[in-house]
Each structure stands twice: as structure tokens, then as C-alpha cells.
Amino acid sequence: MSNKNVDQLANTINLIMRIPEGDALVQLLGSGEEKNNIDAVKYWLEIQKDLLDIEIADYRVQQLISRLQDKLEDFSLFIGQ
């Protein structure tokens, strides 16, 4: 998947999930070097190689959103304790 496609997919996921501006997700999803949440989502997408090559775009987006929601829920459970 090209960088342009990853950018478009990250923008789609950000719109669907209403991810806020800022940099709160950099430490959770990124490598720590990203500037903001969208860059962190892009980094996270790049490591989801098994889903990035799926042909059916709707399925790919649904699966990626499900994975991202699970990761964010796991993190919120961790900090809520």
C-alpha cells in the first residue's frame, strides 16, 4: 500500500472515529516521534500489514477500526485502574 493510500486511510479512520486533534495518541499508537494523533494513526496503520493488503476497502476499514478501538479500550482500562 502506498504512502498516499495510508494517508487516505488514516484520514478516513480519523473521520469515522472522530479522533481529536493533539498528540495524546503518539505514545499509545506511535513510535514516540510522531507530531500528532494523525501521524500516530498513520504509524499504527503501517504496522497492520496483514490488513493493509486486503482488496475489499470496506472490510479493511471495519477491521482496522475494530483493532484500533480494542487497543484504545485496553489502554483506557489500564489507566482507569
C-alpha atoms as a PDB file:
ATOM      1  CA  MET A   1       0.000   0.000   0.000  1.00  0.00           C
ATOM      2  CA  SER A   2       1.400   3.389  -0.989  1.00  0.00           C
ATOM      3  CA  ASN A   3       2.032   6.263   1.426  1.00  0.00           C
ATOM      4  CA  LYS A   4      -0.806   8.174  -0.241  1.00  0.00           C
ATOM      5  CA  ASN A   5      -3.202   5.293   0.434  1.00  0.00           C
ATOM      6  CA  VAL A   6      -2.070   5.060   4.062  1.00  0.00           C
ATOM      7  CA  ASP A   7      -2.662   8.821   4.410  1.00  0.00           C
ATOM      8  CA  GLN A   8      -6.150   8.488   2.920  1.00  0.00           C
ATOM      9  CA  LEU A   9      -6.967   5.507   5.122  1.00  0.00           C
ATOM     10  CA  ALA A  10      -5.746   7.357   8.229  1.00  0.00           C
ATOM     11  CA  ASN A  11      -7.901  10.355   7.330  1.00  0.00           C
ATOM     12  CA  THR A  12     -10.923   8.080   6.827  1.00  0.00           C
ATOM     13  CA  ILE A  13     -10.398   6.385  10.179  1.00  0.00           C
ATOM     14  CA  ASN A  14      -9.912   9.744  11.901  1.00  0.00           C
ATOM     15  CA  LEU A  15     -13.218  10.980  10.477  1.00  0.00           C
ATOM     16  CA  ILE A  16     -15.134   7.825  11.365  1.00  0.00           C
ATOM     17  CA  MET A  17     -13.717   7.577  14.890  1.00  0.00           C
ATOM     18  CA  ARG A  18     -13.672  11.350  15.481  1.00  0.00           C
ATOM     19  CA  ILE A  19     -10.134  11.252  16.783  1.00  0.00           C
ATOM     20  CA  PRO A  20      -9.373  14.658  18.313  1.00  0.00           C
ATOM     21  CA  GLU A  21      -6.514  16.912  17.326  1.00  0.00           C
ATOM     22  CA  GLY A  22      -3.498  16.861  19.579  1.00  0.00           C
ATOM     23  CA  ASP A  23      -0.777  14.370  20.380  1.00  0.00           C
ATOM     24  CA  ALA A  24      -2.302  12.133  23.055  1.00  0.00           C
ATOM     25  CA  LEU A  25      -2.105   9.036  20.840  1.00  0.00           C
ATOM     26  CA  VAL A  26       1.572   9.424  19.948  1.00  0.00           C
ATOM     27  CA  GLN A  27       2.792   7.382  22.926  1.00  0.00           C
ATOM     28  CA  LEU A  28      -0.005   4.822  22.593  1.00  0.00           C
ATOM     29  CA  LEU A  29      -0.039   4.173  18.842  1.00  0.00           C
ATOM     30  CA  GLY A  30       3.157   5.690  17.533  1.00  0.00           C
ATOM     31  CA  SER A  31       6.854   5.247  17.977  1.00  0.00           C
ATOM     32  CA  GLY A  32       7.044   8.384  20.095  1.00  0.00           C
ATOM     33  CA  GLU A  33       8.438  10.511  17.293  1.00  0.00           C
ATOM     34  CA  GLU A  34       5.149  11.460  15.600  1.00  0.00           C
ATOM     35  CA  LYS A  35       3.968  15.077  15.836  1.00  0.00           C
ATOM     36  CA  ASN A  36       0.246  14.489  16.328  1.00  0.00           C
ATOM     37  CA  ASN A  37      -2.599  11.974  16.517  1.00  0.00           C
ATOM     38  CA  ILE A  38      -2.978  11.633  12.738  1.00  0.00           C
ATOM     39  CA  ASP A  39       0.727  10.807  12.388  1.00  0.00           C
ATOM     40  CA  ALA A  40       0.371   8.261  15.215  1.00  0.00           C
ATOM     41  CA  VAL A  41      -2.566   6.624  13.427  1.00  0.00           C
ATOM     42  CA  LYS A  42      -0.539   6.507  10.197  1.00  0.00           C
ATOM     43  CA  TYR A  43       2.340   4.823  12.017  1.00  0.00           C
ATOM     44  CA  TRP A  44      -0.066   2.328  13.606  1.00  0.00           C
ATOM     45  CA  LEU A  45      -1.598   1.582  10.209  1.00  0.00           C
ATOM     46  CA  GLU A  46       1.796   0.814   8.726  1.00  0.00           C
ATOM     47  CA  ILE A  47       2.329  -1.962  11.280  1.00  0.00           C
ATOM     48  CA  GLN A  48      -1.073  -3.504  10.480  1.00  0.00           C
ATOM     49  CA  LYS A  49       0.410  -5.130   7.373  1.00  0.00           C
ATOM     50  CA  ASP A  50      -1.971  -8.096   7.341  1.00  0.00           C
ATOM     51  CA  LEU A  51      -4.986  -5.859   6.735  1.00  0.00           C
ATOM     52  CA  LEU A  52      -3.422  -3.208   4.530  1.00  0.00           C
ATOM     53  CA  ASP A  53      -3.255  -5.511   1.524  1.00  0.00           C
ATOM     54  CA  ILE A  54      -6.878  -6.696   1.686  1.00  0.00           C
ATOM     55  CA  GLU A  55      -8.672  -5.784  -1.510  1.00  0.00           C
ATOM     56  CA  ILE A  56     -12.107  -5.032  -0.066  1.00  0.00           C
ATOM     57  CA  ALA A  57     -11.773  -1.494   1.277  1.00  0.00           C
ATOM     58  CA  ASP A  58     -14.930  -1.510   3.435  1.00  0.00           C
ATOM     59  CA  TYR A  59     -13.862  -4.701   5.195  1.00  0.00           C
ATOM     60  CA  ARG A  60     -10.342  -3.372   5.680  1.00  0.00           C
ATOM     61  CA  VAL A  61     -11.579  -0.157   7.280  1.00  0.00           C
ATOM     62  CA  GLN A  62     -14.018  -2.024   9.536  1.00  0.00           C
ATOM     63  CA  GLN A  63     -11.318  -4.428  10.710  1.00  0.00           C
ATOM     64  CA  LEU A  64      -8.787  -1.665  11.312  1.00  0.00           C
ATOM     65  CA  ILE A  65     -11.304   0.409  13.266  1.00  0.00           C
ATOM     66  CA  SER A  66     -12.172  -2.637  15.361  1.00  0.00           C
ATOM     67  CA  ARG A  67      -8.490  -3.218  16.139  1.00  0.00           C
ATOM     68  CA  LEU A  68      -7.940   0.434  16.982  1.00  0.00           C
ATOM     69  CA  GLN A  69     -10.992   0.526  19.247  1.00  0.00           C
ATOM     70  CA  ASP A  70      -9.737  -2.593  21.055  1.00  0.00           C
ATOM     71  CA  LYS A  71      -6.312  -1.048  21.560  1.00  0.00           C
ATOM     72  CA  LEU A  72      -7.750   2.221  22.859  1.00  0.00           C
ATOM     73  CA  GLU A  73     -10.175   0.373  25.162  1.00  0.00           C
ATOM     74  CA  ASP A  74      -7.302  -1.724  26.552  1.00  0.00           C
ATOM     75  CA  PHE A  75      -5.375   1.469  27.246  1.00  0.00           C
ATOM     76  CA  SER A  76      -8.355   3.175  28.921  1.00  0.00           C
ATOM     77  CA  LEU A  77      -8.846   0.129  31.169  1.00  0.00           C
ATOM     78  CA  PHE A  78      -5.185   0.283  32.114  1.00  0.00           C
ATOM     79  CA  ILE A  79      -5.220   3.963  33.088  1.00  0.00           C
ATOM     80  CA  GLY A  80      -8.599   3.637  34.809  1.00  0.00           C
ATOM     81  CA  GLN A  81      -7.188   1.261  37.434  1.00  0.00           C
END
